[in-house]
Amino acid sequence: MDTTAVLDMAVSGLVLAAKLCLPILVTALVVGFGISLFQSMTQIQEITLSFVPKAAAVAVALLVSGHWMVSELVAFTHLLFERLPDLLNGG
């Protein structure tokens, strides 16, 4: 098994994980910042005020980008299975 090929696939997996997390994390960050700004302007310190909109926004982000996320995962899995014999043979 060639170590550079294995490391290449590991890096590809980490990049894919970062790409898949990005829509959800950015959505939570933007909504959390907006709610935090609203709370600081109005001095309302209610915990559910920050949690419920953030959870709803993340759910919408999952609904919007879920198909793309699954198709990226399936494509990467197909790539792994295609390259598996080469990785095992050392080529």
PDB file of N, CA and C in Angstrom:
ATOM      1  N   MET A   1       0.852  -1.164   0.000  1.00  0.00           N
ATOM      2  CA  MET A   1       0.000   0.000   0.000  1.00  0.00           C
ATOM      3  C   MET A   1       0.906   1.238   0.000  1.00  0.00           C
ATOM      4  N   ASP A   2       0.709   2.099  -0.965  1.00  0.00           N
ATOM      5  CA  ASP A   2       1.522   3.296  -1.099  1.00  0.00           C
ATOM      6  C   ASP A   2       1.043   4.353  -0.109  1.00  0.00           C
ATOM      7  N   THR A   3       1.953   4.868   0.696  1.00  0.00           N
ATOM      8  CA  THR A   3       1.563   5.823   1.741  1.00  0.00           C
ATOM      9  C   THR A   3       1.097   7.146   1.161  1.00  0.00           C
ATOM     10  N   THR A   4       1.666   7.545   0.031  1.00  0.00           N
ATOM     11  CA  THR A   4       1.224   8.819  -0.552  1.00  0.00           C
ATOM     12  C   THR A   4      -0.203   8.726  -1.074  1.00  0.00           C
ATOM     13  N   ALA A   5      -0.574   7.568  -1.617  1.00  0.00           N
ATOM     14  CA  ALA A   5      -1.948   7.389  -2.099  1.00  0.00           C
ATOM     15  C   ALA A   5      -2.935   7.382  -0.933  1.00  0.00           C
ATOM     16  N   VAL A   6      -2.547   6.747   0.142  1.00  0.00           N
ATOM     17  CA  VAL A   6      -3.419   6.714   1.324  1.00  0.00           C
ATOM     18  C   VAL A   6      -3.558   8.111   1.921  1.00  0.00           C
ATOM     19  N   LEU A   7      -2.444   8.823   2.003  1.00  0.00           N
ATOM     20  CA  LEU A   7      -2.514  10.193   2.521  1.00  0.00           C
ATOM     21  C   LEU A   7      -3.325  11.098   1.604  1.00  0.00           C
ATOM     22  N   ASP A   8      -3.229  10.879   0.301  1.00  0.00           N
ATOM     23  CA  ASP A   8      -4.018  11.654  -0.645  1.00  0.00           C
ATOM     24  C   ASP A   8      -5.511  11.424  -0.430  1.00  0.00           C
ATOM     25  N   MET A   9      -5.881  10.178  -0.229  1.00  0.00           N
ATOM     26  CA  MET A   9      -7.301   9.878   0.017  1.00  0.00           C
ATOM     27  C   MET A   9      -7.757  10.427   1.365  1.00  0.00           C
ATOM     28  N   ALA A  10      -6.875  10.394   2.358  1.00  0.00           N
ATOM     29  CA  ALA A  10      -7.230  10.951   3.665  1.00  0.00           C
ATOM     30  C   ALA A  10      -7.423  12.459   3.577  1.00  0.00           C
ATOM     31  N   VAL A  11      -6.555  13.129   2.845  1.00  0.00           N
ATOM     32  CA  VAL A  11      -6.705  14.580   2.675  1.00  0.00           C
ATOM     33  C   VAL A  11      -7.985  14.887   1.908  1.00  0.00           C
ATOM     34  N   SER A  12      -8.283  14.085   0.886  1.00  0.00           N
ATOM     35  CA  SER A  12      -9.525  14.273   0.135  1.00  0.00           C
ATOM     36  C   SER A  12     -10.743  14.090   1.035  1.00  0.00           C
ATOM     37  N   GLY A  13     -10.678  13.123   1.941  1.00  0.00           N
ATOM     38  CA  GLY A  13     -11.778  12.914   2.887  1.00  0.00           C
ATOM     39  C   GLY A  13     -11.947  14.078   3.844  1.00  0.00           C
ATOM     40  N   LEU A  14     -10.834  14.630   4.313  1.00  0.00           N
ATOM     41  CA  LEU A  14     -10.916  15.780   5.214  1.00  0.00           C
ATOM     42  C   LEU A  14     -11.437  17.018   4.502  1.00  0.00           C
ATOM     43  N   VAL A  15     -11.030  17.212   3.256  1.00  0.00           N
ATOM     44  CA  VAL A  15     -11.540  18.351   2.478  1.00  0.00           C
ATOM     45  C   VAL A  15     -13.033  18.187   2.230  1.00  0.00           C
ATOM     46  N   LEU A  16     -13.457  16.970   1.928  1.00  0.00           N
ATOM     47  CA  LEU A  16     -14.885  16.719   1.731  1.00  0.00           C
ATOM     48  C   LEU A  16     -15.667  16.978   3.012  1.00  0.00           C
ATOM     49  N   ALA A  17     -15.128  16.563   4.149  1.00  0.00           N
ATOM     50  CA  ALA A  17     -15.810  16.807   5.426  1.00  0.00           C
ATOM     51  C   ALA A  17     -15.943  18.308   5.690  1.00  0.00           C
ATOM     52  N   ALA A  18     -14.899  19.061   5.362  1.00  0.00           N
ATOM     53  CA  ALA A  18     -14.966  20.512   5.548  1.00  0.00           C
ATOM     54  C   ALA A  18     -15.994  21.131   4.609  1.00  0.00           C
ATOM     55  N   LYS A  19     -16.050  20.656   3.363  1.00  0.00           N
ATOM     56  CA  LYS A  19     -17.037  21.181   2.414  1.00  0.00           C
ATOM     57  C   LYS A  19     -18.461  20.875   2.860  1.00  0.00           C
ATOM     58  N   LEU A  20     -18.661  19.685   3.429  1.00  0.00           N
ATOM     59  CA  LEU A  20     -20.009  19.298   3.838  1.00  0.00           C
ATOM     60  C   LEU A  20     -20.457  20.037   5.096  1.00  0.00           C
ATOM     61  N   CYS A  21     -19.530  20.386   5.969  1.00  0.00           N
ATOM     62  CA  CYS A  21     -19.882  21.102   7.194  1.00  0.00           C
ATOM     63  C   CYS A  21     -20.104  22.587   6.959  1.00  0.00           C
ATOM     64  N   LEU A  22     -19.542  23.110   5.879  1.00  0.00           N
ATOM     65  CA  LEU A  22     -19.556  24.547   5.663  1.00  0.00           C
ATOM     66  C   LEU A  22     -20.951  25.174   5.611  1.00  0.00           C
ATOM     67  N   PRO A  23     -21.927  24.644   4.846  1.00  0.00           N
ATOM     68  CA  PRO A  23     -23.236  25.313   4.819  1.00  0.00           C
ATOM     69  C   PRO A  23     -23.924  25.370   6.180  1.00  0.00           C
ATOM     70  N   ILE A  24     -23.800  24.309   6.950  1.00  0.00           N
ATOM     71  CA  ILE A  24     -24.457  24.270   8.253  1.00  0.00           C
ATOM     72  C   ILE A  24     -23.769  25.209   9.236  1.00  0.00           C
ATOM     73  N   LEU A  25     -22.442  25.181   9.244  1.00  0.00           N
ATOM     74  CA  LEU A  25     -21.706  26.027  10.175  1.00  0.00           C
ATOM     75  C   LEU A  25     -21.857  27.511   9.857  1.00  0.00           C
ATOM     76  N   VAL A  26     -21.841  27.856   8.574  1.00  0.00           N
ATOM     77  CA  VAL A  26     -22.010  29.267   8.200  1.00  0.00           C
ATOM     78  C   VAL A  26     -23.414  29.745   8.546  1.00  0.00           C
ATOM     79  N   THR A  27     -24.408  28.903   8.311  1.00  0.00           N
ATOM     80  CA  THR A  27     -25.783  29.265   8.664  1.00  0.00           C
ATOM     81  C   THR A  27     -25.918  29.488  10.169  1.00  0.00           C
ATOM     82  N   ALA A  28     -25.379  28.572  10.959  1.00  0.00           N
ATOM     83  CA  ALA A  28     -25.451  28.721  12.420  1.00  0.00           C
ATOM     84  C   ALA A  28     -24.680  29.959  12.881  1.00  0.00           C
ATOM     85  N   LEU A  29     -23.558  30.242  12.243  1.00  0.00           N
ATOM     86  CA  LEU A  29     -22.762  31.406  12.613  1.00  0.00           C
ATOM     87  C   LEU A  29     -23.501  32.703  12.306  1.00  0.00           C
ATOM     88  N   VAL A  30     -24.078  32.809  11.123  1.00  0.00           N
ATOM     89  CA  VAL A  30     -24.771  34.037  10.732  1.00  0.00           C
ATOM     90  C   VAL A  30     -26.012  34.258  11.588  1.00  0.00           C
ATOM     91  N   VAL A  31     -26.800  33.213  11.782  1.00  0.00           N
ATOM     92  CA  VAL A  31     -28.009  33.354  12.599  1.00  0.00           C
ATOM     93  C   VAL A  31     -27.645  33.631  14.053  1.00  0.00           C
ATOM     94  N   GLY A  32     -26.635  32.962  14.562  1.00  0.00           N
ATOM     95  CA  GLY A  32     -26.203  33.205  15.937  1.00  0.00           C
ATOM     96  C   GLY A  32     -25.704  34.629  16.134  1.00  0.00           C
ATOM     97  N   PHE A  33     -24.964  35.145  15.152  1.00  0.00           N
ATOM     98  CA  PHE A  33     -24.501  36.528  15.237  1.00  0.00           C
ATOM     99  C   PHE A  33     -25.662  37.507  15.194  1.00  0.00           C
ATOM    100  N   GLY A  34     -26.622  37.245  14.313  1.00  0.00           N
ATOM    101  CA  GLY A  34     -27.790  38.123  14.230  1.00  0.00           C
ATOM    102  C   GLY A  34     -28.604  38.127  15.510  1.00  0.00           C
ATOM    103  N   ILE A  35     -28.830  36.960  16.076  1.00  0.00           N
ATOM    104  CA  ILE A  35     -29.578  36.864  17.328  1.00  0.00           C
ATOM    105  C   ILE A  35     -28.796  37.515  18.468  1.00  0.00           C
ATOM    106  N   SER A  36     -27.495  37.310  18.501  1.00  0.00           N
ATOM    107  CA  SER A  36     -26.665  37.930  19.538  1.00  0.00           C
ATOM    108  C   SER A  36     -26.702  39.452  19.436  1.00  0.00           C
ATOM    109  N   LEU A  37     -26.646  39.948  18.212  1.00  0.00           N
ATOM    110  CA  LEU A  37     -26.736  41.399  18.007  1.00  0.00           C
ATOM    111  C   LEU A  37     -28.088  41.923  18.451  1.00  0.00           C
ATOM    112  N   PHE A  38     -29.159  41.188  18.128  1.00  0.00           N
ATOM    113  CA  PHE A  38     -30.500  41.583  18.555  1.00  0.00           C
ATOM    114  C   PHE A  38     -30.618  41.563  20.078  1.00  0.00           C
ATOM    115  N   GLN A  39     -30.049  40.533  20.713  1.00  0.00           N
ATOM    116  CA  GLN A  39     -30.109  40.444  22.169  1.00  0.00           C
ATOM    117  C   GLN A  39     -29.324  41.560  22.837  1.00  0.00           C
ATOM    118  N   SER A  40     -28.201  41.928  22.258  1.00  0.00           N
ATOM    119  CA  SER A  40     -27.418  42.998  22.881  1.00  0.00           C
ATOM    120  C   SER A  40     -28.081  44.356  22.684  1.00  0.00           C
ATOM    121  N   MET A  41     -28.801  44.548  21.590  1.00  0.00           N
ATOM    122  CA  MET A  41     -29.485  45.822  21.371  1.00  0.00           C
ATOM    123  C   MET A  41     -30.710  45.955  22.255  1.00  0.00           C
ATOM    124  N   THR A  42     -31.432  44.853  22.459  1.00  0.00           N
ATOM    125  CA  THR A  42     -32.662  44.914  23.246  1.00  0.00           C
ATOM    126  C   THR A  42     -32.470  44.497  24.691  1.00  0.00           C
ATOM    127  N   GLN A  43     -31.318  43.992  25.051  1.00  0.00           N
ATOM    128  CA  GLN A  43     -30.989  43.510  26.386  1.00  0.00           C
ATOM    129  C   GLN A  43     -31.932  42.408  26.859  1.00  0.00           C
ATOM    130  N   ILE A  44     -32.393  41.598  25.906  1.00  0.00           N
ATOM    131  CA  ILE A  44     -33.185  40.413  26.229  1.00  0.00           C
ATOM    132  C   ILE A  44     -32.209  39.252  26.314  1.00  0.00           C
ATOM    133  N   GLN A  45     -32.127  38.601  27.450  1.00  0.00           N
ATOM    134  CA  GLN A  45     -31.181  37.499  27.642  1.00  0.00           C
ATOM    135  C   GLN A  45     -31.945  36.196  27.857  1.00  0.00           C
ATOM    136  N   GLU A  46     -32.655  35.774  26.858  1.00  0.00           N
ATOM    137  CA  GLU A  46     -33.413  34.532  26.920  1.00  0.00           C
ATOM    138  C   GLU A  46     -32.668  33.460  26.124  1.00  0.00           C
ATOM    139  N   ILE A  47     -32.431  32.307  26.723  1.00  0.00           N
ATOM    140  CA  ILE A  47     -31.643  31.258  26.088  1.00  0.00           C
ATOM    141  C   ILE A  47     -32.366  30.690  24.869  1.00  0.00           C
ATOM    142  N   THR A  48     -33.667  30.493  24.975  1.00  0.00           N
ATOM    143  CA  THR A  48     -34.402  29.913  23.852  1.00  0.00           C
ATOM    144  C   THR A  48     -34.464  30.860  22.662  1.00  0.00           C
ATOM    145  N   LEU A  49     -34.291  32.141  22.897  1.00  0.00           N
ATOM    146  CA  LEU A  49     -34.291  33.097  21.794  1.00  0.00           C
ATOM    147  C   LEU A  49     -33.102  32.868  20.874  1.00  0.00           C
ATOM    148  N   SER A  50     -32.010  32.378  21.402  1.00  0.00           N
ATOM    149  CA  SER A  50     -30.855  32.099  20.546  1.00  0.00           C
ATOM    150  C   SER A  50     -30.878  30.675  19.999  1.00  0.00           C
ATOM    151  N   PHE A  51     -31.483  29.751  20.719  1.00  0.00           N
ATOM    152  CA  PHE A  51     -31.433  28.348  20.311  1.00  0.00           C
ATOM    153  C   PHE A  51     -32.453  28.010  19.233  1.00  0.00           C
ATOM    154  N   VAL A  52     -33.688  28.443  19.404  1.00  0.00           N
ATOM    155  CA  VAL A  52     -34.757  28.035  18.494  1.00  0.00           C
ATOM    156  C   VAL A  52     -34.543  28.553  17.073  1.00  0.00           C
ATOM    157  N   PRO A  53     -34.242  29.836  16.867  1.00  0.00           N
ATOM    158  CA  PRO A  53     -33.999  30.277  15.479  1.00  0.00           C
ATOM    159  C   PRO A  53     -32.778  29.628  14.848  1.00  0.00           C
ATOM    160  N   LYS A  54     -31.743  29.384  15.647  1.00  0.00           N
ATOM    161  CA  LYS A  54     -30.550  28.742  15.115  1.00  0.00           C
ATOM    162  C   LYS A  54     -30.855  27.304  14.702  1.00  0.00           C
ATOM    163  N   ALA A  55     -31.618  26.595  15.501  1.00  0.00           N
ATOM    164  CA  ALA A  55     -31.991  25.221  15.160  1.00  0.00           C
ATOM    165  C   ALA A  55     -32.869  25.186  13.912  1.00  0.00           C
ATOM    166  N   ALA A  56     -33.790  26.130  13.800  1.00  0.00           N
ATOM    167  CA  ALA A  56     -34.647  26.193  12.615  1.00  0.00           C
ATOM    168  C   ALA A  56     -33.841  26.540  11.371  1.00  0.00           C
ATOM    169  N   ALA A  57     -32.894  27.458  11.489  1.00  0.00           N
ATOM    170  CA  ALA A  57     -32.070  27.833  10.339  1.00  0.00           C
ATOM    171  C   ALA A  57     -31.175  26.680   9.901  1.00  0.00           C
ATOM    172  N   VAL A  58     -30.642  25.935  10.839  1.00  0.00           N
ATOM    173  CA  VAL A  58     -29.817  24.776  10.494  1.00  0.00           C
ATOM    174  C   VAL A  58     -30.673  23.705   9.818  1.00  0.00           C
ATOM    175  N   ALA A  59     -31.903  23.531  10.283  1.00  0.00           N
ATOM    176  CA  ALA A  59     -32.799  22.563   9.643  1.00  0.00           C
ATOM    177  C   ALA A  59     -33.107  22.974   8.209  1.00  0.00           C
ATOM    178  N   VAL A  60     -33.327  24.262   7.979  1.00  0.00           N
ATOM    179  CA  VAL A  60     -33.573  24.750   6.616  1.00  0.00           C
ATOM    180  C   VAL A  60     -32.317  24.567   5.761  1.00  0.00           C
ATOM    181  N   ALA A  61     -31.153  24.840   6.327  1.00  0.00           N
ATOM    182  CA  ALA A  61     -29.900  24.649   5.577  1.00  0.00           C
ATOM    183  C   ALA A  61     -29.707  23.186   5.209  1.00  0.00           C
ATOM    184  N   LEU A  62     -30.081  22.279   6.110  1.00  0.00           N
ATOM    185  CA  LEU A  62     -29.990  20.856   5.791  1.00  0.00           C
ATOM    186  C   LEU A  62     -30.976  20.465   4.692  1.00  0.00           C
ATOM    187  N   LEU A  63     -32.168  21.050   4.727  1.00  0.00           N
ATOM    188  CA  LEU A  63     -33.144  20.761   3.682  1.00  0.00           C
ATOM    189  C   LEU A  63     -32.674  21.288   2.330  1.00  0.00           C
ATOM    190  N   VAL A  64     -32.077  22.457   2.325  1.00  0.00           N
ATOM    191  CA  VAL A  64     -31.640  23.061   1.068  1.00  0.00           C
ATOM    192  C   VAL A  64     -30.406  22.347   0.508  1.00  0.00           C
ATOM    193  N   SER A  65     -29.433  22.074   1.356  1.00  0.00           N
ATOM    194  CA  SER A  65     -28.175  21.529   0.862  1.00  0.00           C
ATOM    195  C   SER A  65     -28.029  20.021   1.081  1.00  0.00           C
ATOM    196  N   GLY A  66     -29.044  19.377   1.578  1.00  0.00           N
ATOM    197  CA  GLY A  66     -28.952  17.952   1.882  1.00  0.00           C
ATOM    198  C   GLY A  66     -28.715  17.084   0.663  1.00  0.00           C
ATOM    199  N   HIS A  67     -29.393  17.390  -0.445  1.00  0.00           N
ATOM    200  CA  HIS A  67     -29.221  16.590  -1.660  1.00  0.00           C
ATOM    201  C   HIS A  67     -27.794  16.707  -2.192  1.00  0.00           C
ATOM    202  N   TRP A  68     -27.256  17.915  -2.170  1.00  0.00           N
ATOM    203  CA  TRP A  68     -25.882  18.119  -2.619  1.00  0.00           C
ATOM    204  C   TRP A  68     -24.908  17.371  -1.707  1.00  0.00           C
ATOM    205  N   MET A  69     -25.159  17.416  -0.407  1.00  0.00           N
ATOM    206  CA  MET A  69     -24.270  16.747   0.541  1.00  0.00           C
ATOM    207  C   MET A  69     -24.251  15.234   0.312  1.00  0.00           C
ATOM    208  N   VAL A  70     -25.408  14.651   0.120  1.00  0.00           N
ATOM    209  CA  VAL A  70     -25.490  13.210  -0.094  1.00  0.00           C
ATOM    210  C   VAL A  70     -24.842  12.827  -1.425  1.00  0.00           C
ATOM    211  N   SER A  71     -25.058  13.640  -2.463  1.00  0.00           N
ATOM    212  CA  SER A  71     -24.448  13.310  -3.752  1.00  0.00           C
ATOM    213  C   SER A  71     -22.925  13.415  -3.688  1.00  0.00           C
ATOM    214  N   GLU A  72     -22.389  14.377  -2.932  1.00  0.00           N
ATOM    215  CA  GLU A  72     -20.935  14.477  -2.750  1.00  0.00           C
ATOM    216  C   GLU A  72     -20.393  13.254  -1.996  1.00  0.00           C
ATOM    217  N   LEU A  73     -21.113  12.834  -0.965  1.00  0.00           N
ATOM    218  CA  LEU A  73     -20.685  11.650  -0.213  1.00  0.00           C
ATOM    219  C   LEU A  73     -20.717  10.389  -1.070  1.00  0.00           C
ATOM    220  N   VAL A  74     -21.751  10.245  -1.883  1.00  0.00           N
ATOM    221  CA  VAL A  74     -21.857   9.070  -2.749  1.00  0.00           C
ATOM    222  C   VAL A  74     -20.746   9.084  -3.793  1.00  0.00           C
ATOM    223  N   ALA A  75     -20.461  10.244  -4.367  1.00  0.00           N
ATOM    224  CA  ALA A  75     -19.385  10.331  -5.362  1.00  0.00           C
ATOM    225  C   ALA A  75     -18.029   9.990  -4.741  1.00  0.00           C
ATOM    226  N   PHE A  76     -17.783  10.466  -3.534  1.00  0.00           N
ATOM    227  CA  PHE A  76     -16.525  10.161  -2.866  1.00  0.00           C
ATOM    228  C   PHE A  76     -16.433   8.683  -2.509  1.00  0.00           C
ATOM    229  N   THR A  77     -17.534   8.093  -2.088  1.00  0.00           N
ATOM    230  CA  THR A  77     -17.547   6.670  -1.764  1.00  0.00           C
ATOM    231  C   THR A  77     -17.284   5.830  -3.019  1.00  0.00           C
ATOM    232  N   HIS A  78     -17.887   6.225  -4.149  1.00  0.00           N
ATOM    233  CA  HIS A  78     -17.616   5.525  -5.404  1.00  0.00           C
ATOM    234  C   HIS A  78     -16.141   5.644  -5.784  1.00  0.00           C
ATOM    235  N   LEU A  79     -15.563   6.823  -5.576  1.00  0.00           N
ATOM    236  CA  LEU A  79     -14.140   7.016  -5.857  1.00  0.00           C
ATOM    237  C   LEU A  79     -13.276   6.117  -4.974  1.00  0.00           C
ATOM    238  N   LEU A  80     -13.642   6.010  -3.705  1.00  0.00           N
ATOM    239  CA  LEU A  80     -12.890   5.134  -2.809  1.00  0.00           C
ATOM    240  C   LEU A  80     -12.959   3.679  -3.250  1.00  0.00           C
ATOM    241  N   PHE A  81     -14.147   3.226  -3.621  1.00  0.00           N
ATOM    242  CA  PHE A  81     -14.283   1.833  -4.040  1.00  0.00           C
ATOM    243  C   PHE A  81     -13.586   1.570  -5.375  1.00  0.00           C
ATOM    244  N   GLU A  82     -13.538   2.578  -6.250  1.00  0.00           N
ATOM    245  CA  GLU A  82     -12.820   2.405  -7.512  1.00  0.00           C
ATOM    246  C   GLU A  82     -11.314   2.329  -7.290  1.00  0.00           C
ATOM    247  N   ARG A  83     -10.810   3.094  -6.336  1.00  0.00           N
ATOM    248  CA  ARG A  83      -9.373   3.127  -6.084  1.00  0.00           C
ATOM    249  C   ARG A  83      -8.908   2.069  -5.091  1.00  0.00           C
ATOM    250  N   LEU A  84      -9.813   1.345  -4.483  1.00  0.00           N
ATOM    251  CA  LEU A  84      -9.456   0.349  -3.480  1.00  0.00           C
ATOM    252  C   LEU A  84      -8.532  -0.747  -4.019  1.00  0.00           C
ATOM    253  N   PRO A  85      -8.795  -1.328  -5.193  1.00  0.00           N
ATOM    254  CA  PRO A  85      -7.842  -2.341  -5.680  1.00  0.00           C
ATOM    255  C   PRO A  85      -6.449  -1.781  -5.941  1.00  0.00           C
ATOM    256  N   ASP A  86      -6.363  -0.568  -6.462  1.00  0.00           N
ATOM    257  CA  ASP A  86      -5.045   0.042  -6.682  1.00  0.00           C
ATOM    258  C   ASP A  86      -4.321   0.285  -5.370  1.00  0.00           C
ATOM    259  N   LEU A  87      -5.065   0.711  -4.357  1.00  0.00           N
ATOM    260  CA  LEU A  87      -4.441   0.958  -3.063  1.00  0.00           C
ATOM    261  C   LEU A  87      -3.952  -0.333  -2.407  1.00  0.00           C
ATOM    262  N   LEU A  88      -4.716  -1.400  -2.578  1.00  0.00           N
ATOM    263  CA  LEU A  88      -4.318  -2.671  -1.978  1.00  0.00           C
ATOM    264  C   LEU A  88      -3.154  -3.330  -2.719  1.00  0.00           C
ATOM    265  N   ASN A  89      -3.080  -3.101  -4.037  1.00  0.00           N
ATOM    266  CA  ASN A  89      -2.000  -3.693  -4.838  1.00  0.00           C
ATOM    267  C   ASN A  89      -0.716  -2.880  -4.763  1.00  0.00           C
ATOM    268  N   GLY A  90      -0.802  -1.690  -4.197  1.00  0.00           N
ATOM    269  CA  GLY A  90       0.381  -0.872  -4.060  1.00  0.00           C
ATOM    270  C   GLY A  90       0.667  -0.014  -5.276  1.00  0.00           C
ATOM    271  N   GLY A  91      -0.301   0.157  -6.162  1.00  0.00           N
ATOM    272  CA  GLY A  91      -0.045   0.947  -7.364  1.00  0.00           C
ATOM    273  C   GLY A  91      -0.826   2.135  -7.442  1.00  0.00           C
TER     274      GLY A  91
END
